[in-house]
Full PDB file with SEQRES, HELIX, SHEET, SSBOND, CRYST1, ORIGX, SCALE, CONECT and MASTER records, all heavy atoms in Angstrom:
SEQRES   1 A   41  VAL SER PRO GLY THR ARG VAL PRO ALA THR ALA THR ALA          
SEQRES   2 A   41  MET GLY ARG VAL LEU LEU ALA TRP ALA GLU GLU PRO THR          
SEQRES   3 A   41  ILE ALA ARG VAL LEU ALA ALA GLY PRO PRO ALA CYS THR          
SEQRES   4 A   41  PRO ARG                                                      
HELIX    1 AA1 ALA A    9  ALA A   11  5                                   3    
HELIX    2 AA2 ALA A   13  ALA A   20  1                                   8    
HELIX    3 AA3 GLU A   24  ALA A   32  1                                   9    
CRYST1    1.000    1.000    1.000  90.00  90.00  90.00 P 1           1          
ORIGX1      1.000000  0.000000  0.000000        0.00000                         
ORIGX2      0.000000  1.000000  0.000000        0.00000                         
ORIGX3      0.000000  0.000000  1.000000        0.00000                         
SCALE1      1.000000  0.000000  0.000000        0.00000                         
SCALE2      0.000000  1.000000  0.000000        0.00000                         
SCALE3      0.000000  0.000000  1.000000        0.00000                         
ATOM      1  N   VAL A   1      26.631 -23.344-101.096  1.00  0.00           N  
ATOM      2  CA  VAL A   1      26.546 -21.930-100.717  1.00  0.00           C  
ATOM      3  C   VAL A   1      26.800 -21.112-102.005  1.00  0.00           C  
ATOM      4  O   VAL A   1      27.855 -21.375-102.632  1.00  0.00           O  
ATOM      5  CB  VAL A   1      27.688 -21.685 -99.715  1.00  0.00           C  
ATOM      6  CG1 VAL A   1      27.610 -20.127 -99.375  1.00  0.00           C  
ATOM      7  CG2 VAL A   1      27.446 -22.398 -98.487  1.00  0.00           C  
ATOM      8  N   SER A   2      25.879 -20.314-102.341  1.00  0.00           N  
ATOM      9  CA  SER A   2      25.950 -19.435-103.552  1.00  0.00           C  
ATOM     10  C   SER A   2      25.205 -18.185-103.260  1.00  0.00           C  
ATOM     11  O   SER A   2      24.461 -18.143-102.284  1.00  0.00           O  
ATOM     12  CB  SER A   2      25.355 -20.240-104.810  1.00  0.00           C  
ATOM     13  OG  SER A   2      23.960 -20.468-104.520  1.00  0.00           O  
ATOM     14  N   PRO A   3      25.351 -17.122-104.087  1.00  0.00           N  
ATOM     15  CA  PRO A   3      24.610 -15.883-103.918  1.00  0.00           C  
ATOM     16  C   PRO A   3      23.164 -16.238-103.684  1.00  0.00           C  
ATOM     17  O   PRO A   3      22.569 -16.871-104.504  1.00  0.00           O  
ATOM     18  CB  PRO A   3      24.939 -15.123-105.144  1.00  0.00           C  
ATOM     19  CG  PRO A   3      26.350 -15.538-105.565  1.00  0.00           C  
ATOM     20  CD  PRO A   3      26.476 -17.010-105.203  1.00  0.00           C  
ATOM     21  N   GLY A   4      22.557 -15.631-102.722  1.00  0.00           N  
ATOM     22  CA  GLY A   4      21.178 -15.790-102.406  1.00  0.00           C  
ATOM     23  C   GLY A   4      20.957 -16.786-101.296  1.00  0.00           C  
ATOM     24  O   GLY A   4      19.801 -16.872-100.706  1.00  0.00           O  
ATOM     25  N   THR A   5      21.999 -17.664-100.919  1.00  0.00           N  
ATOM     26  CA  THR A   5      21.848 -18.633 -99.851  1.00  0.00           C  
ATOM     27  C   THR A   5      21.658 -17.837 -98.549  1.00  0.00           C  
ATOM     28  O   THR A   5      22.348 -16.792 -98.308  1.00  0.00           O  
ATOM     29  CB  THR A   5      23.127 -19.395 -99.677  1.00  0.00           C  
ATOM     30  OG1 THR A   5      23.229 -20.196-100.808  1.00  0.00           O  
ATOM     31  CG2 THR A   5      23.011 -20.478 -98.558  1.00  0.00           C  
ATOM     32  N   ARG A   6      20.731 -18.283 -97.694  1.00  0.00           N  
ATOM     33  CA  ARG A   6      20.386 -17.598 -96.434  1.00  0.00           C  
ATOM     34  C   ARG A   6      20.885 -18.581 -95.272  1.00  0.00           C  
ATOM     35  O   ARG A   6      20.601 -19.764 -95.347  1.00  0.00           O  
ATOM     36  CB  ARG A   6      18.988 -17.288 -96.337  1.00  0.00           C  
ATOM     37  CG  ARG A   6      18.283 -16.626 -97.540  1.00  0.00           C  
ATOM     38  CD  ARG A   6      16.859 -16.513 -97.394  1.00  0.00           C  
ATOM     39  NE  ARG A   6      16.477 -15.543 -96.295  1.00  0.00           N  
ATOM     40  CZ  ARG A   6      16.292 -14.222 -96.500  1.00  0.00           C  
ATOM     41  NH1 ARG A   6      16.356 -13.703 -97.690  1.00  0.00           N  
ATOM     42  NH2 ARG A   6      15.904 -13.554 -95.456  1.00  0.00           N  
ATOM     43  N   VAL A   7      21.467 -17.931 -94.233  1.00  0.00           N  
ATOM     44  CA  VAL A   7      21.881 -18.727 -93.092  1.00  0.00           C  
ATOM     45  C   VAL A   7      21.495 -17.875 -91.809  1.00  0.00           C  
ATOM     46  O   VAL A   7      21.462 -16.677 -91.961  1.00  0.00           O  
ATOM     47  CB  VAL A   7      23.452 -19.045 -93.036  1.00  0.00           C  
ATOM     48  CG1 VAL A   7      23.735 -20.028 -94.210  1.00  0.00           C  
ATOM     49  CG2 VAL A   7      24.131 -17.713 -93.211  1.00  0.00           C  
ATOM     50  N   PRO A   8      21.223 -18.532 -90.724  1.00  0.00           N  
ATOM     51  CA  PRO A   8      20.757 -17.748 -89.528  1.00  0.00           C  
ATOM     52  C   PRO A   8      21.871 -16.836 -89.149  1.00  0.00           C  
ATOM     53  O   PRO A   8      23.027 -17.183 -88.913  1.00  0.00           O  
ATOM     54  CB  PRO A   8      20.589 -18.965 -88.497  1.00  0.00           C  
ATOM     55  CG  PRO A   8      20.282 -20.065 -89.314  1.00  0.00           C  
ATOM     56  CD  PRO A   8      21.115 -19.990 -90.502  1.00  0.00           C  
ATOM     57  N   ALA A   9      21.561 -15.500 -88.952  1.00  0.00           N  
ATOM     58  CA  ALA A   9      22.666 -14.526 -88.570  1.00  0.00           C  
ATOM     59  C   ALA A   9      23.186 -14.884 -87.199  1.00  0.00           C  
ATOM     60  O   ALA A   9      24.407 -14.618 -87.038  1.00  0.00           O  
ATOM     61  CB  ALA A   9      21.951 -13.182 -88.571  1.00  0.00           C  
ATOM     62  N   THR A  10      22.453 -15.313 -86.296  1.00  0.00           N  
ATOM     63  CA  THR A  10      22.932 -15.609 -84.878  1.00  0.00           C  
ATOM     64  C   THR A  10      23.980 -16.736 -84.793  1.00  0.00           C  
ATOM     65  O   THR A  10      24.767 -16.764 -83.874  1.00  0.00           O  
ATOM     66  CB  THR A  10      21.792 -15.863 -83.882  1.00  0.00           C  
ATOM     67  OG1 THR A  10      21.034 -17.014 -84.489  1.00  0.00           O  
ATOM     68  CG2 THR A  10      20.884 -14.671 -83.752  1.00  0.00           C  
ATOM     69  N   ALA A  11      23.987 -17.616 -85.835  1.00  0.00           N  
ATOM     70  CA  ALA A  11      24.892 -18.780 -85.772  1.00  0.00           C  
ATOM     71  C   ALA A  11      26.117 -18.699 -86.641  1.00  0.00           C  
ATOM     72  O   ALA A  11      26.850 -19.641 -86.779  1.00  0.00           O  
ATOM     73  CB  ALA A  11      24.121 -19.996 -86.251  1.00  0.00           C  
ATOM     74  N   THR A  12      26.306 -17.422 -87.306  1.00  0.00           N  
ATOM     75  CA  THR A  12      27.340 -17.285 -88.123  1.00  0.00           C  
ATOM     76  C   THR A  12      28.298 -16.033 -87.806  1.00  0.00           C  
ATOM     77  O   THR A  12      27.744 -15.098 -87.177  1.00  0.00           O  
ATOM     78  CB  THR A  12      26.870 -17.187 -89.601  1.00  0.00           C  
ATOM     79  OG1 THR A  12      26.008 -16.033 -89.578  1.00  0.00           O  
ATOM     80  CG2 THR A  12      26.093 -18.317 -90.026  1.00  0.00           C  
ATOM     81  N   ALA A  13      29.533 -16.099 -88.174  1.00  0.00           N  
ATOM     82  CA  ALA A  13      30.386 -15.082 -87.819  1.00  0.00           C  
ATOM     83  C   ALA A  13      30.021 -13.783 -88.658  1.00  0.00           C  
ATOM     84  O   ALA A  13      29.930 -12.768 -88.079  1.00  0.00           O  
ATOM     85  CB  ALA A  13      31.876 -15.403 -88.303  1.00  0.00           C  
ATOM     86  N   MET A  14      29.588 -13.991 -89.959  1.00  0.00           N  
ATOM     87  CA  MET A  14      29.163 -12.765 -90.713  1.00  0.00           C  
ATOM     88  C   MET A  14      27.848 -12.238 -90.235  1.00  0.00           C  
ATOM     89  O   MET A  14      27.683 -10.964 -90.109  1.00  0.00           O  
ATOM     90  CB  MET A  14      29.121 -13.043 -92.181  1.00  0.00           C  
ATOM     91  CG  MET A  14      28.211 -14.203 -92.508  1.00  0.00           C  
ATOM     92  SD  MET A  14      29.105 -15.755 -92.728  1.00  0.00           S  
ATOM     93  CE  MET A  14      28.009 -16.671 -93.607  1.00  0.00           C  
ATOM     94  N   GLY A  15      26.986 -13.058 -89.748  1.00  0.00           N  
ATOM     95  CA  GLY A  15      25.668 -12.543 -89.244  1.00  0.00           C  
ATOM     96  C   GLY A  15      25.983 -11.737 -87.936  1.00  0.00           C  
ATOM     97  O   GLY A  15      25.252 -10.775 -87.713  1.00  0.00           O  
ATOM     98  N   ARG A  16      26.858 -12.250 -87.139  1.00  0.00           N  
ATOM     99  CA  ARG A  16      27.110 -11.626 -85.833  1.00  0.00           C  
ATOM    100  C   ARG A  16      27.786 -10.151 -86.093  1.00  0.00           C  
ATOM    101  O   ARG A  16      27.467  -9.325 -85.344  1.00  0.00           O  
ATOM    102  CB  ARG A  16      27.890 -12.467 -84.927  1.00  0.00           C  
ATOM    103  CG  ARG A  16      27.152 -13.732 -84.417  1.00  0.00           C  
ATOM    104  CD  ARG A  16      28.060 -14.666 -83.667  1.00  0.00           C  
ATOM    105  NE  ARG A  16      27.169 -15.723 -83.251  1.00  0.00           N  
ATOM    106  CZ  ARG A  16      27.783 -16.876 -82.536  1.00  0.00           C  
ATOM    107  NH1 ARG A  16      29.031 -16.990 -82.393  1.00  0.00           N  
ATOM    108  NH2 ARG A  16      26.943 -17.811 -82.184  1.00  0.00           N  
ATOM    109  N   VAL A  17      28.578 -10.155 -87.087  1.00  0.00           N  
ATOM    110  CA  VAL A  17      29.097  -8.819 -87.508  1.00  0.00           C  
ATOM    111  C   VAL A  17      28.065  -7.885 -87.822  1.00  0.00           C  
ATOM    112  O   VAL A  17      27.997  -6.741 -87.528  1.00  0.00           O  
ATOM    113  CB  VAL A  17      30.164  -8.960 -88.675  1.00  0.00           C  
ATOM    114  CG1 VAL A  17      30.421  -7.659 -89.211  1.00  0.00           C  
ATOM    115  CG2 VAL A  17      31.584  -9.639 -88.119  1.00  0.00           C  
ATOM    116  N   LEU A  18      27.139  -8.367 -88.665  1.00  0.00           N  
ATOM    117  CA  LEU A  18      26.025  -7.476 -89.162  1.00  0.00           C  
ATOM    118  C   LEU A  18      25.227  -7.104 -88.059  1.00  0.00           C  
ATOM    119  O   LEU A  18      24.632  -5.950 -88.023  1.00  0.00           O  
ATOM    120  CB  LEU A  18      25.246  -8.276 -90.257  1.00  0.00           C  
ATOM    121  CG  LEU A  18      26.050  -8.619 -91.552  1.00  0.00           C  
ATOM    122  CD1 LEU A  18      25.298  -9.529 -92.371  1.00  0.00           C  
ATOM    123  CD2 LEU A  18      26.288  -7.330 -92.337  1.00  0.00           C  
ATOM    124  N   LEU A  19      24.902  -7.959 -87.124  1.00  0.00           N  
ATOM    125  CA  LEU A  19      24.013  -7.711 -85.955  1.00  0.00           C  
ATOM    126  C   LEU A  19      24.741  -6.755 -84.953  1.00  0.00           C  
ATOM    127  O   LEU A  19      24.171  -5.953 -84.346  1.00  0.00           O  
ATOM    128  CB  LEU A  19      23.530  -9.018 -85.224  1.00  0.00           C  
ATOM    129  CG  LEU A  19      22.563  -9.722 -85.935  1.00  0.00           C  
ATOM    130  CD1 LEU A  19      22.357 -11.184 -85.212  1.00  0.00           C  
ATOM    131  CD2 LEU A  19      21.223  -9.049 -86.024  1.00  0.00           C  
ATOM    132  N   ALA A  20      26.055  -6.969 -84.864  1.00  0.00           N  
ATOM    133  CA  ALA A  20      26.671  -6.054 -83.839  1.00  0.00           C  
ATOM    134  C   ALA A  20      26.673  -4.664 -84.225  1.00  0.00           C  
ATOM    135  O   ALA A  20      26.755  -3.810 -83.228  1.00  0.00           O  
ATOM    136  CB  ALA A  20      28.260  -6.527 -83.842  1.00  0.00           C  
ATOM    137  N   TRP A  21      26.552  -4.233 -85.360  1.00  0.00           N  
ATOM    138  CA  TRP A  21      26.382  -2.903 -85.831  1.00  0.00           C  
ATOM    139  C   TRP A  21      25.013  -2.482 -86.301  1.00  0.00           C  
ATOM    140  O   TRP A  21      24.789  -1.502 -86.901  1.00  0.00           O  
ATOM    141  CB  TRP A  21      27.493  -2.458 -86.834  1.00  0.00           C  
ATOM    142  CG  TRP A  21      28.800  -2.248 -86.228  1.00  0.00           C  
ATOM    143  CD1 TRP A  21      29.173  -1.011 -85.791  1.00  0.00           C  
ATOM    144  CD2 TRP A  21      29.862  -3.131 -86.137  1.00  0.00           C  
ATOM    145  NE1 TRP A  21      30.495  -1.213 -85.328  1.00  0.00           N  
ATOM    146  CE2 TRP A  21      30.983  -2.497 -85.533  1.00  0.00           C  
ATOM    147  CE3 TRP A  21      30.069  -4.544 -86.447  1.00  0.00           C  
ATOM    148  CZ2 TRP A  21      32.241  -3.154 -85.250  1.00  0.00           C  
ATOM    149  CZ3 TRP A  21      31.256  -5.131 -86.164  1.00  0.00           C  
ATOM    150  CH2 TRP A  21      32.279  -4.423 -85.583  1.00  0.00           C  
ATOM    151  N   ALA A  22      23.964  -3.384 -85.976  1.00  0.00           N  
ATOM    152  CA  ALA A  22      22.618  -3.066 -86.380  1.00  0.00           C  
ATOM    153  C   ALA A  22      22.040  -2.228 -85.357  1.00  0.00           C  
ATOM    154  O   ALA A  22      22.546  -2.107 -84.124  1.00  0.00           O  
ATOM    155  CB  ALA A  22      21.881  -4.377 -86.576  1.00  0.00           C  
ATOM    156  N   GLU A  23      20.834  -1.728 -85.597  1.00  0.00           N  
ATOM    157  CA  GLU A  23      20.110  -0.868 -84.598  1.00  0.00           C  
ATOM    158  C   GLU A  23      19.453  -1.739 -83.578  1.00  0.00           C  
ATOM    159  O   GLU A  23      19.138  -2.995 -83.969  1.00  0.00           O  
ATOM    160  CB  GLU A  23      19.099  -0.068 -85.348  1.00  0.00           C  
ATOM    161  CG  GLU A  23      19.722   1.038 -86.291  1.00  0.00           C  
ATOM    162  CD  GLU A  23      20.421   2.086 -85.652  1.00  0.00           C  
ATOM    163  OE1 GLU A  23      20.121   2.374 -84.404  1.00  0.00           O  
ATOM    164  OE2 GLU A  23      21.343   2.562 -86.168  1.00  0.00           O  
ATOM    165  N   GLU A  24      19.233  -1.313 -82.496  1.00  0.00           N  
ATOM    166  CA  GLU A  24      18.599  -2.117 -81.310  1.00  0.00           C  
ATOM    167  C   GLU A  24      17.260  -2.762 -81.728  1.00  0.00           C  
ATOM    168  O   GLU A  24      17.113  -3.934 -81.390  1.00  0.00           O  
ATOM    169  CB  GLU A  24      18.486  -1.258 -80.091  1.00  0.00           C  
ATOM    170  CG  GLU A  24      17.646  -1.801 -78.942  1.00  0.00           C  
ATOM    171  CD  GLU A  24      18.205  -3.220 -78.615  1.00  0.00           C  
ATOM    172  OE1 GLU A  24      19.399  -3.416 -78.649  1.00  0.00           O  
ATOM    173  OE2 GLU A  24      17.372  -4.078 -78.097  1.00  0.00           O  
ATOM    174  N   PRO A  25      16.451  -2.135 -82.386  1.00  0.00           N  
ATOM    175  CA  PRO A  25      15.127  -2.799 -82.775  1.00  0.00           C  
ATOM    176  C   PRO A  25      15.426  -4.003 -83.636  1.00  0.00           C  
ATOM    177  O   PRO A  25      14.754  -5.002 -83.495  1.00  0.00           O  
ATOM    178  CB  PRO A  25      14.418  -1.694 -83.517  1.00  0.00           C  
ATOM    179  CG  PRO A  25      14.837  -0.468 -83.003  1.00  0.00           C  
ATOM    180  CD  PRO A  25      16.345  -0.642 -82.706  1.00  0.00           C  
ATOM    181  N   THR A  26      16.427  -3.947 -84.481  1.00  0.00           N  
ATOM    182  CA  THR A  26      16.750  -5.135 -85.272  1.00  0.00           C  
ATOM    183  C   THR A  26      17.284  -6.204 -84.599  1.00  0.00           C  
ATOM    184  O   THR A  26      16.893  -7.392 -84.663  1.00  0.00           O  
ATOM    185  CB  THR A  26      17.745  -4.719 -86.359  1.00  0.00           C  
ATOM    186  OG1 THR A  26      17.211  -3.639 -87.291  1.00  0.00           O  
ATOM    187  CG2 THR A  26      18.163  -5.880 -87.204  1.00  0.00           C  
ATOM    188  N   ILE A  27      18.180  -5.940 -83.547  1.00  0.00           N  
ATOM    189  CA  ILE A  27      18.777  -7.062 -82.728  1.00  0.00           C  
ATOM    190  C   ILE A  27      17.692  -7.570 -81.929  1.00  0.00           C  
ATOM    191  O   ILE A  27      17.594  -8.821 -81.802  1.00  0.00           O  
ATOM    192  CB  ILE A  27      19.786  -6.375 -81.838  1.00  0.00           C  
ATOM    193  CG1 ILE A  27      20.957  -5.771 -82.719  1.00  0.00           C  
ATOM    194  CG2 ILE A  27      20.409  -7.421 -80.929  1.00  0.00           C  
ATOM    195  CD1 ILE A  27      22.020  -5.089 -81.930  1.00  0.00           C  
ATOM    196  N   ALA A  28      16.731  -6.748 -81.328  1.00  0.00           N  
ATOM    197  CA  ALA A  28      15.821  -7.303 -80.475  1.00  0.00           C  
ATOM    198  C   ALA A  28      14.824  -8.209 -81.282  1.00  0.00           C  
ATOM    199  O   ALA A  28      14.396  -9.283 -80.851  1.00  0.00           O  
ATOM    200  CB  ALA A  28      15.039  -6.111 -79.947  1.00  0.00           C  
ATOM    201  N   ARG A  29      14.488  -7.764 -82.557  1.00  0.00           N  
ATOM    202  CA  ARG A  29      13.589  -8.618 -83.324  1.00  0.00           C  
ATOM    203  C   ARG A  29      14.209  -9.947 -83.725  1.00  0.00           C  
ATOM    204  O   ARG A  29      13.640 -11.019 -83.609  1.00  0.00           O  
ATOM    205  CB  ARG A  29      13.294  -7.928 -84.680  1.00  0.00           C  
ATOM    206  CG  ARG A  29      12.277  -8.665 -85.565  1.00  0.00           C  
ATOM    207  CD  ARG A  29      11.837  -7.730 -86.646  1.00  0.00           C  
ATOM    208  NE  ARG A  29      12.950  -7.348 -87.649  1.00  0.00           N  
ATOM    209  CZ  ARG A  29      13.494  -6.166 -87.629  1.00  0.00           C  
ATOM    210  NH1 ARG A  29      13.091  -5.273 -86.925  1.00  0.00           N  
ATOM    211  NH2 ARG A  29      14.446  -5.993 -88.458  1.00  0.00           N  
ATOM    212  N   VAL A  30      15.496  -9.899 -83.970  1.00  0.00           N  
ATOM    213  CA  VAL A  30      16.171 -11.116 -84.338  1.00  0.00           C  
ATOM    214  C   VAL A  30      16.333 -12.126 -83.180  1.00  0.00           C  
ATOM    215  O   VAL A  30      15.947 -13.414 -83.210  1.00  0.00           O  
ATOM    216  CB  VAL A  30      17.569 -10.912 -84.895  1.00  0.00           C  
ATOM    217  CG1 VAL A  30      18.471 -12.293 -85.005  1.00  0.00           C  
ATOM    218  CG2 VAL A  30      17.521 -10.163 -86.267  1.00  0.00           C  
ATOM    219  N   LEU A  31      16.653 -11.635 -82.020  1.00  0.00           N  
ATOM    220  CA  LEU A  31      16.788 -12.451 -80.789  1.00  0.00           C  
ATOM    221  C   LEU A  31      15.342 -12.946 -80.302  1.00  0.00           C  
ATOM    222  O   LEU A  31      15.224 -14.022 -79.902  1.00  0.00           O  
ATOM    223  CB  LEU A  31      17.414 -11.700 -79.692  1.00  0.00           C  
ATOM    224  CG  LEU A  31      18.826 -11.285 -79.964  1.00  0.00           C  
ATOM    225  CD1 LEU A  31      19.390 -10.527 -78.775  1.00  0.00           C  
ATOM    226  CD2 LEU A  31      19.732 -12.462 -80.304  1.00  0.00           C  
ATOM    227  N   ALA A  32      14.335 -12.080 -80.520  1.00  0.00           N  
ATOM    228  CA  ALA A  32      12.974 -12.589 -80.140  1.00  0.00           C  
ATOM    229  C   ALA A  32      12.455 -13.640 -81.055  1.00  0.00           C  
ATOM    230  O   ALA A  32      11.551 -14.292 -80.657  1.00  0.00           O  
ATOM    231  CB  ALA A  32      12.085 -11.367 -80.119  1.00  0.00           C  
ATOM    232  N   ALA A  33      12.997 -13.748 -82.290  1.00  0.00           N  
ATOM    233  CA  ALA A  33      12.384 -14.751 -83.196  1.00  0.00           C  
ATOM    234  C   ALA A  33      12.930 -16.158 -82.784  1.00  0.00           C  
ATOM    235  O   ALA A  33      12.405 -17.089 -83.297  1.00  0.00           O  
ATOM    236  CB  ALA A  33      13.026 -14.410 -84.570  1.00  0.00           C  
ATOM    237  N   GLY A  34      13.790 -16.233 -81.850  1.00  0.00           N  
ATOM    238  CA  GLY A  34      14.187 -17.580 -81.340  1.00  0.00           C  
ATOM    239  C   GLY A  34      15.372 -18.043 -82.114  1.00  0.00           C  
ATOM    240  O   GLY A  34      15.175 -18.826 -83.112  1.00  0.00           O  
ATOM    241  N   PRO A  35      16.672 -17.711 -81.842  1.00  0.00           N  
ATOM    242  CA  PRO A  35      17.824 -18.192 -82.515  1.00  0.00           C  
ATOM    243  C   PRO A  35      17.882 -19.727 -82.680  1.00  0.00           C  
ATOM    244  O   PRO A  35      17.683 -20.371 -81.667  1.00  0.00           O  
ATOM    245  CB  PRO A  35      19.027 -17.738 -81.664  1.00  0.00           C  
ATOM    246  CG  PRO A  35      18.424 -16.540 -81.041  1.00  0.00           C  
ATOM    247  CD  PRO A  35      16.982 -16.848 -80.652  1.00  0.00           C  
ATOM    248  N   PRO A  36      17.946 -20.227 -83.889  1.00  0.00           N  
ATOM    249  CA  PRO A  36      17.889 -21.700 -84.085  1.00  0.00           C  
ATOM    250  C   PRO A  36      19.188 -22.318 -83.634  1.00  0.00           C  
ATOM    251  O   PRO A  36      20.304 -21.786 -83.785  1.00  0.00           O  
ATOM    252  CB  PRO A  36      17.681 -21.851 -85.487  1.00  0.00           C  
ATOM    253  CG  PRO A  36      18.359 -20.691 -86.133  1.00  0.00           C  
ATOM    254  CD  PRO A  36      18.071 -19.528 -85.157  1.00  0.00           C  
ATOM    255  N   ALA A  37      19.038 -23.591 -83.218  1.00  0.00           N  
ATOM    256  CA  ALA A  37      20.184 -24.492 -82.736  1.00  0.00           C  
ATOM    257  C   ALA A  37      20.605 -25.256 -83.998  1.00  0.00           C  
ATOM    258  O   ALA A  37      19.987 -26.406 -84.233  1.00  0.00           O  
ATOM    259  CB  ALA A  37      19.891 -25.312 -81.532  1.00  0.00           C  
ATOM    260  N   CYS A  38      21.511 -24.858 -84.797  1.00  0.00           N  
ATOM    261  CA  CYS A  38      21.937 -25.527 -85.968  1.00  0.00           C  
ATOM    262  C   CYS A  38      22.783 -26.778 -85.691  1.00  0.00           C  
ATOM    263  O   CYS A  38      22.751 -27.786 -86.379  1.00  0.00           O  
ATOM    264  CB  CYS A  38      22.734 -24.683 -86.848  1.00  0.00           C  
ATOM    265  SG  CYS A  38      21.737 -23.241 -87.420  1.00  0.00           S  
ATOM    266  N   THR A  39      23.591 -26.658 -84.577  1.00  0.00           N  
ATOM    267  CA  THR A  39      24.419 -27.753 -84.145  1.00  0.00           C  
ATOM    268  C   THR A  39      24.471 -27.718 -82.555  1.00  0.00           C  
ATOM    269  O   THR A  39      23.976 -26.737 -82.022  1.00  0.00           O  
ATOM    270  CB  THR A  39      25.869 -27.586 -84.650  1.00  0.00           C  
ATOM    271  OG1 THR A  39      26.572 -26.561 -83.873  1.00  0.00           O  
ATOM    272  CG2 THR A  39      25.981 -27.310 -86.154  1.00  0.00           C  
ATOM    273  N   PRO A  40      24.990 -28.797 -81.988  1.00  0.00           N  
ATOM    274  CA  PRO A  40      25.098 -28.691 -80.508  1.00  0.00           C  
ATOM    275  C   PRO A  40      25.882 -27.558 -80.018  1.00  0.00           C  
ATOM    276  O   PRO A  40      25.736 -27.083 -78.787  1.00  0.00           O  
ATOM    277  CB  PRO A  40      25.753 -30.004 -80.173  1.00  0.00           C  
ATOM    278  CG  PRO A  40      25.323 -30.949 -81.246  1.00  0.00           C  
ATOM    279  CD  PRO A  40      25.340 -30.045 -82.433  1.00  0.00           C  
ATOM    280  N   ARG A  41      26.698 -26.932 -80.828  1.00  0.00           N  
ATOM    281  CA  ARG A  41      27.611 -25.941 -80.340  1.00  0.00           C  
ATOM    282  C   ARG A  41      26.928 -24.512 -80.580  1.00  0.00           C  
ATOM    283  O   ARG A  41      27.547 -23.501 -80.149  1.00  0.00           O  
ATOM    284  CB  ARG A  41      28.945 -25.851 -81.064  1.00  0.00           C  
ATOM    285  CG  ARG A  41      29.657 -27.151 -80.873  1.00  0.00           C  
ATOM    286  CD  ARG A  41      31.045 -27.091 -81.507  1.00  0.00           C  
ATOM    287  NE  ARG A  41      32.004 -26.107 -80.914  1.00  0.00           N  
ATOM    288  CZ  ARG A  41      33.281 -25.873 -81.098  1.00  0.00           C  
ATOM    289  NH1 ARG A  41      33.843 -26.680 -82.029  1.00  0.00           N  
ATOM    290  NH2 ARG A  41      33.886 -24.871 -80.530  1.00  0.00           N  
TER     291      ARG A  41                                                      
MASTER        0    0    0    3    0    0    0    6  290    1    0    4          
END                                                                             
């Protein structure tokens, strides 16, 4: 993990913070893209 590393927003605490205060079109687009299952949890 270093600057520039990308991780799915829906599967991370920081991504969920960013989405929680994002505009609705952004949230809808991210959820419509199909949140990936990185682990069984």
